[in-house]
Amino acid sequence: MTKRKNKGLAVLFSFIPGVGHMYLGFMKMGVSIMGVFFAVIVLANYLEFWGLFLLLPILWFYGFFDAVNKGYMTDEEYAKLEDKYLFSLDKLISDPGSIFAKGRLLLGVVITLIGVNLLFNRLLDLFNYSKSGYTIIPWVYDLLRAIGYNLPRLIIGAGIVIVGIVLIVGKRKEVKSEK
């Protein structure tokens, strides 16, 4: 990396998640920070799980201070830096002990279910109402709409509970094996 960037502009651009990194030449890091930041917003809105918004200040502060620190490094320190993604998915998936490697099938199923749910809701809207009136019995429509609306949130909620239980049980086994 060559360093010939204005430090003041680096600080200014760092207020937008990922842009400071991109200005400094760290495109992979900048794009990944920006992508995760906006993915959290979209996911929190889609799932109506507002607790995810608590991750945004953490990500914003990390991106801001990391970019500012890189902008104020000496030329020697800066030259040693490597541009890499925030999360290197290829390494996470290839590591046999990684949760992502073990959960690839689960992740695929979850993504497929989200897609099916989106299609279901859009098709339900298309078939529900026409110029001549309702094409589906209103109470059936209301039931299907409620299922389509709440199913993703129920699945994510159940997934979070399962992950929590697995973490608790794993920690108990780890503590018992140390004794």
Protein backbone atom coordinates (compact mmCIF):
# COMPACT_ATOMS: atom_id res chain seq x y z
CA MET A 1 0.00 0.00 0.00
CA THR A 2 1.28 3.44 -0.79
CA LYS A 3 0.30 6.22 1.56
CA ARG A 4 -0.37 9.61 0.11
CA LYS A 5 -3.86 10.35 1.43
CA ASN A 6 -5.08 13.41 3.28
CA LYS A 7 -5.57 12.55 6.97
CA GLY A 8 -8.38 15.07 7.41
CA LEU A 9 -10.33 13.61 4.49
CA ALA A 10 -9.76 10.13 5.86
CA VAL A 11 -11.34 11.21 9.17
CA LEU A 12 -14.21 12.93 7.35
CA PHE A 13 -14.93 9.92 5.12
CA SER A 14 -14.74 7.60 8.14
CA PHE A 15 -18.05 8.96 9.41
CA ILE A 16 -19.75 6.83 6.73
CA PRO A 17 -19.21 3.11 7.45
CA GLY A 18 -16.57 1.70 5.10
CA VAL A 19 -15.94 4.87 3.09
CA GLY A 20 -12.86 5.88 5.11
CA HIS A 21 -11.29 2.50 4.37
CA MET A 22 -12.09 2.82 0.69
CA TYR A 23 -10.56 6.29 0.58
CA LEU A 24 -7.38 4.90 2.14
CA GLY A 25 -7.27 2.13 -0.50
CA PHE A 26 -8.66 -0.72 1.59
CA MET A 27 -11.51 -1.60 -0.75
CA LYS A 28 -12.18 -5.12 0.56
CA MET A 29 -12.38 -3.93 4.16
CA GLY A 30 -14.47 -0.89 3.24
CA VAL A 31 -16.96 -2.82 1.15
CA SER A 32 -17.33 -5.51 3.79
CA ILE A 33 -17.91 -2.99 6.60
CA MET A 34 -20.44 -1.10 4.50
CA GLY A 35 -22.12 -4.35 3.40
CA VAL A 36 -22.45 -5.70 6.93
CA PHE A 37 -23.69 -2.32 8.21
CA PHE A 38 -26.50 -2.11 5.66
CA ALA A 39 -27.24 -5.86 5.83
CA VAL A 40 -27.93 -5.47 9.56
CA ILE A 41 -30.36 -2.62 8.80
CA VAL A 42 -32.17 -4.63 6.13
CA LEU A 43 -32.29 -7.79 8.27
CA ALA A 44 -33.52 -5.93 11.35
CA ASN A 45 -36.28 -4.29 9.32
CA TYR A 46 -37.28 -7.48 7.52
CA LEU A 47 -37.42 -9.53 10.71
CA GLU A 48 -38.69 -6.63 12.82
CA PHE A 49 -36.00 -7.59 15.31
CA TRP A 50 -34.94 -4.16 16.48
CA GLY A 51 -32.29 -5.54 18.83
CA LEU A 52 -30.06 -6.03 15.79
CA PHE A 53 -29.74 -2.25 15.59
CA LEU A 54 -27.55 -2.49 18.71
CA LEU A 55 -24.84 -3.94 16.46
CA LEU A 56 -24.70 -0.78 14.33
CA PRO A 57 -22.86 1.48 16.81
CA ILE A 58 -20.30 -1.26 17.43
CA LEU A 59 -19.69 -1.69 13.72
CA TRP A 60 -19.66 2.07 13.14
CA PHE A 61 -17.11 2.73 15.92
CA TYR A 62 -14.92 -0.14 14.72
CA GLY A 63 -14.94 1.15 11.14
CA PHE A 64 -14.39 4.76 12.18
CA PHE A 65 -11.46 4.19 14.54
CA ASP A 66 -9.84 1.52 12.37
CA ALA A 67 -9.84 3.85 9.36
CA VAL A 68 -8.63 6.83 11.40
CA ASN A 69 -5.82 4.74 12.93
CA LYS A 70 -4.76 3.50 9.51
CA GLY A 71 -4.79 7.07 8.22
CA TYR A 72 -2.42 8.20 10.97
CA MET A 73 0.06 5.31 10.68
CA THR A 74 3.61 5.93 9.62
CA ASP A 75 4.50 5.10 6.04
CA GLU A 76 6.41 1.98 7.17
CA GLU A 77 3.50 0.65 9.24
CA TYR A 78 1.02 1.49 6.49
CA ALA A 79 3.06 -0.29 3.84
CA LYS A 80 2.89 -3.53 5.83
CA LEU A 81 -0.93 -3.54 5.94
CA GLU A 82 -2.88 -5.95 3.79
CA ASP A 83 -6.37 -5.27 2.43
CA LYS A 84 -8.64 -8.10 3.49
CA TYR A 85 -12.33 -8.60 4.12
CA LEU A 86 -13.85 -8.06 7.53
CA PHE A 87 -14.94 -11.70 7.52
CA SER A 88 -13.09 -14.01 5.19
CA LEU A 89 -15.89 -16.42 4.27
CA ASP A 90 -13.65 -18.69 2.20
CA LYS A 91 -11.48 -19.35 5.26
CA LEU A 92 -14.49 -19.75 7.56
CA ILE A 93 -16.15 -22.26 5.22
CA SER A 94 -12.96 -24.23 4.51
CA ASP A 95 -12.07 -24.59 8.22
CA PRO A 96 -13.61 -27.95 9.24
CA GLY A 97 -14.09 -26.77 12.84
CA SER A 98 -15.89 -23.62 11.82
CA ILE A 99 -19.57 -23.17 12.58
CA PHE A 100 -20.02 -22.01 8.98
CA ALA A 101 -18.56 -25.21 7.57
CA LYS A 102 -20.82 -27.28 9.79
CA GLY A 103 -23.80 -25.10 9.12
CA ARG A 104 -23.56 -24.67 5.33
CA LEU A 105 -26.58 -26.88 4.80
CA LEU A 106 -28.48 -25.04 7.53
CA LEU A 107 -27.54 -21.68 6.06
CA GLY A 108 -28.70 -22.84 2.64
CA VAL A 109 -32.01 -24.00 4.08
CA VAL A 110 -32.51 -20.69 5.91
CA ILE A 111 -31.77 -18.65 2.80
CA THR A 112 -34.10 -20.85 0.75
CA LEU A 113 -36.88 -20.48 3.34
CA ILE A 114 -36.52 -16.70 3.31
CA GLY A 115 -36.77 -16.72 -0.49
CA VAL A 116 -39.81 -19.02 -0.42
CA ASN A 117 -41.43 -16.75 2.17
CA LEU A 118 -40.85 -13.67 0.00
CA LEU A 119 -42.32 -15.43 -3.03
CA PHE A 120 -45.25 -16.74 -0.98
CA ASN A 121 -46.14 -13.27 0.28
CA ARG A 122 -45.91 -11.67 -3.17
CA LEU A 123 -47.96 -14.43 -4.81
CA LEU A 124 -50.53 -14.22 -2.05
CA ASP A 125 -50.94 -10.52 -2.77
CA LEU A 126 -51.28 -11.20 -6.50
CA PHE A 127 -53.95 -13.86 -6.09
CA ASN A 128 -55.86 -12.16 -3.32
CA TYR A 129 -57.41 -9.23 -5.07
CA SER A 130 -58.54 -8.64 -8.60
CA LYS A 131 -60.82 -6.06 -10.24
CA SER A 132 -63.83 -8.26 -9.62
CA GLY A 133 -63.09 -8.67 -5.92
CA TYR A 134 -61.37 -11.21 -3.73
CA THR A 135 -60.19 -14.42 -5.37
CA ILE A 136 -59.39 -16.04 -2.01
CA ILE A 137 -61.83 -16.29 0.90
CA PRO A 138 -60.92 -13.39 3.22
CA TRP A 139 -60.36 -15.48 6.36
CA VAL A 140 -58.13 -17.89 4.39
CA TYR A 141 -56.18 -14.91 3.09
CA ASP A 142 -55.80 -13.53 6.64
CA LEU A 143 -54.58 -16.91 7.92
CA LEU A 144 -52.08 -17.36 5.08
CA ARG A 145 -50.88 -13.77 5.50
CA ALA A 146 -50.33 -14.29 9.24
CA ILE A 147 -48.38 -17.48 8.60
CA GLY A 148 -46.27 -15.88 5.88
CA TYR A 149 -45.62 -12.82 8.01
CA ASN A 150 -44.68 -14.58 11.24
CA LEU A 151 -42.94 -17.74 10.01
CA PRO A 152 -39.51 -16.17 9.33
CA ARG A 153 -39.51 -14.49 12.73
CA LEU A 154 -40.46 -17.76 14.42
CA ILE A 155 -37.71 -19.64 12.59
CA ILE A 156 -35.07 -17.01 13.48
CA GLY A 157 -36.28 -16.95 17.09
CA ALA A 158 -36.10 -20.74 17.32
CA GLY A 159 -32.64 -20.66 15.73
CA ILE A 160 -31.40 -18.15 18.29
CA VAL A 161 -32.77 -20.28 21.14
CA ILE A 162 -31.11 -23.42 19.70
CA VAL A 163 -27.75 -21.65 19.28
CA GLY A 164 -28.00 -20.38 22.87
CA ILE A 165 -28.74 -23.87 24.20
CA VAL A 166 -25.88 -25.36 22.18
CA LEU A 167 -23.49 -22.72 23.56
CA ILE A 168 -24.64 -23.38 27.15
CA VAL A 169 -24.39 -27.16 26.82
CA GLY A 170 -21.01 -26.87 25.10
CA LYS A 171 -19.68 -24.64 27.89
CA ARG A 172 -20.95 -27.07 30.55
CA LYS A 173 -19.21 -29.98 28.81
CA GLU A 174 -16.03 -27.91 28.55
CA VAL A 175 -16.11 -27.04 32.27
CA LYS A 176 -16.81 -30.68 33.27
CA SER A 177 -13.94 -31.97 31.11
CA GLU A 178 -11.51 -29.53 32.78
CA LYS A 179 -12.32 -30.92 36.26
